[in-house]
Amino acid sequence: TKRLIGSSKNADTFARELKLSLERYEKRLKDITVNMDFQKNARIIHIIVTGIIDNASNTQYYNEFNVEVW
């Protein structure tokens, strides 16, 4: 079974799989981390993705979003 709560540092979580997908398909982003938290009462998955955009200034990347579930 897969865990919904976790970080990209923990094996066997959706966060790790999302991080691997980002590394594969978004080549401009490096040092990616993904944190996920399933908030049962709100019925959402809260996701935070951070990294560094691979450009001359190594811009910090931050994206925070929620996914509604059932």
C-alpha atoms as a PDB file:
ATOM      1  CA  THR A   1       0.000   0.000   0.000  1.00  0.00           C
ATOM      2  CA  LYS A   2       1.063   3.589  -0.601  1.00  0.00           C
ATOM      3  CA  ARG A   3       1.120   6.276   2.057  1.00  0.00           C
ATOM      4  CA  LEU A   4      -0.552   9.613   1.356  1.00  0.00           C
ATOM      5  CA  ILE A   5       1.303  11.373   4.163  1.00  0.00           C
ATOM      6  CA  GLY A   6       5.016  11.654   3.688  1.00  0.00           C
ATOM      7  CA  SER A   7       7.911  13.395   2.090  1.00  0.00           C
ATOM      8  CA  SER A   8      10.043  12.671  -0.919  1.00  0.00           C
ATOM      9  CA  LYS A   9      12.741  11.375   1.436  1.00  0.00           C
ATOM     10  CA  ASN A  10      10.539   8.449   2.530  1.00  0.00           C
ATOM     11  CA  ALA A  11      10.350   5.458   0.230  1.00  0.00           C
ATOM     12  CA  ASP A  12       7.000   4.093  -0.904  1.00  0.00           C
ATOM     13  CA  THR A  13       4.938   7.286  -0.737  1.00  0.00           C
ATOM     14  CA  PHE A  14       3.056   9.258  -3.369  1.00  0.00           C
ATOM     15  CA  ALA A  15       5.383  12.161  -2.581  1.00  0.00           C
ATOM     16  CA  ARG A  16       8.395  10.119  -3.685  1.00  0.00           C
ATOM     17  CA  GLU A  17       6.657   9.062  -6.894  1.00  0.00           C
ATOM     18  CA  LEU A  18       5.708  12.673  -7.656  1.00  0.00           C
ATOM     19  CA  LYS A  19       9.311  13.758  -7.064  1.00  0.00           C
ATOM     20  CA  LEU A  20      10.602  11.058  -9.438  1.00  0.00           C
ATOM     21  CA  SER A  21       8.101  12.174 -12.097  1.00  0.00           C
ATOM     22  CA  LEU A  22       9.160  15.808 -11.736  1.00  0.00           C
ATOM     23  CA  GLU A  23      12.825  14.855 -12.035  1.00  0.00           C
ATOM     24  CA  ARG A  24      12.071  12.899 -15.187  1.00  0.00           C
ATOM     25  CA  TYR A  25       9.816  15.386 -16.980  1.00  0.00           C
ATOM     26  CA  GLU A  26      10.844  18.825 -15.657  1.00  0.00           C
ATOM     27  CA  LYS A  27      14.538  19.035 -16.466  1.00  0.00           C
ATOM     28  CA  ARG A  28      14.761  22.741 -15.505  1.00  0.00           C
ATOM     29  CA  LEU A  29      14.129  21.935 -11.828  1.00  0.00           C
ATOM     30  CA  LYS A  30      16.832  20.500  -9.561  1.00  0.00           C
ATOM     31  CA  ASP A  31      17.107  19.652  -5.849  1.00  0.00           C
ATOM     32  CA  ILE A  32      13.377  18.851  -5.766  1.00  0.00           C
ATOM     33  CA  THR A  33      11.551  18.070  -2.541  1.00  0.00           C
ATOM     34  CA  VAL A  34       7.893  17.116  -2.205  1.00  0.00           C
ATOM     35  CA  ASN A  35       5.861  17.097   0.999  1.00  0.00           C
ATOM     36  CA  MET A  36       2.308  15.764   1.153  1.00  0.00           C
ATOM     37  CA  ASP A  37      -0.219  15.762   3.955  1.00  0.00           C
ATOM     38  CA  PHE A  38      -3.637  14.143   3.776  1.00  0.00           C
ATOM     39  CA  GLN A  39      -6.095  16.306   5.713  1.00  0.00           C
ATOM     40  CA  LYS A  40      -8.992  13.954   6.361  1.00  0.00           C
ATOM     41  CA  ASN A  41     -11.437  16.496   7.816  1.00  0.00           C
ATOM     42  CA  ALA A  42     -11.032  18.831   4.842  1.00  0.00           C
ATOM     43  CA  ARG A  43     -10.795  15.899   2.388  1.00  0.00           C
ATOM     44  CA  ILE A  44      -7.765  17.373   0.652  1.00  0.00           C
ATOM     45  CA  ILE A  45      -4.177  16.434   0.014  1.00  0.00           C
ATOM     46  CA  HIS A  46      -1.899  19.397   0.716  1.00  0.00           C
ATOM     47  CA  ILE A  47       1.227  19.310  -1.484  1.00  0.00           C
ATOM     48  CA  ILE A  48       4.331  21.494  -1.329  1.00  0.00           C
ATOM     49  CA  VAL A  49       6.965  21.238  -4.074  1.00  0.00           C
ATOM     50  CA  THR A  50      10.274  23.087  -3.759  1.00  0.00           C
ATOM     51  CA  GLY A  51      13.439  23.149  -5.796  1.00  0.00           C
ATOM     52  CA  ILE A  52      15.887  25.303  -7.688  1.00  0.00           C
ATOM     53  CA  ILE A  53      15.312  26.408 -11.263  1.00  0.00           C
ATOM     54  CA  ASP A  54      18.419  25.547 -13.244  1.00  0.00           C
ATOM     55  CA  ASN A  55      19.283  28.964 -14.684  1.00  0.00           C
ATOM     56  CA  ALA A  56      22.050  31.512 -14.277  1.00  0.00           C
ATOM     57  CA  SER A  57      20.642  32.808 -10.972  1.00  0.00           C
ATOM     58  CA  ASN A  58      19.537  29.396  -9.540  1.00  0.00           C
ATOM     59  CA  THR A  59      16.115  30.826  -8.684  1.00  0.00           C
ATOM     60  CA  GLN A  60      14.272  29.204  -5.781  1.00  0.00           C
ATOM     61  CA  TYR A  61      11.056  27.414  -6.818  1.00  0.00           C
ATOM     62  CA  TYR A  62       8.082  26.984  -4.484  1.00  0.00           C
ATOM     63  CA  ASN A  63       4.593  25.718  -5.305  1.00  0.00           C
ATOM     64  CA  GLU A  64       1.906  24.909  -2.782  1.00  0.00           C
ATOM     65  CA  PHE A  65      -1.440  23.418  -3.794  1.00  0.00           C
ATOM     66  CA  ASN A  66      -4.320  21.248  -2.632  1.00  0.00           C
ATOM     67  CA  VAL A  67      -6.037  18.339  -4.345  1.00  0.00           C
ATOM     68  CA  GLU A  68      -9.623  17.541  -3.313  1.00  0.00           C
ATOM     69  CA  VAL A  69     -10.342  13.879  -2.735  1.00  0.00           C
ATOM     70  CA  TRP A  70     -13.667  12.143  -2.851  1.00  0.00           C
END
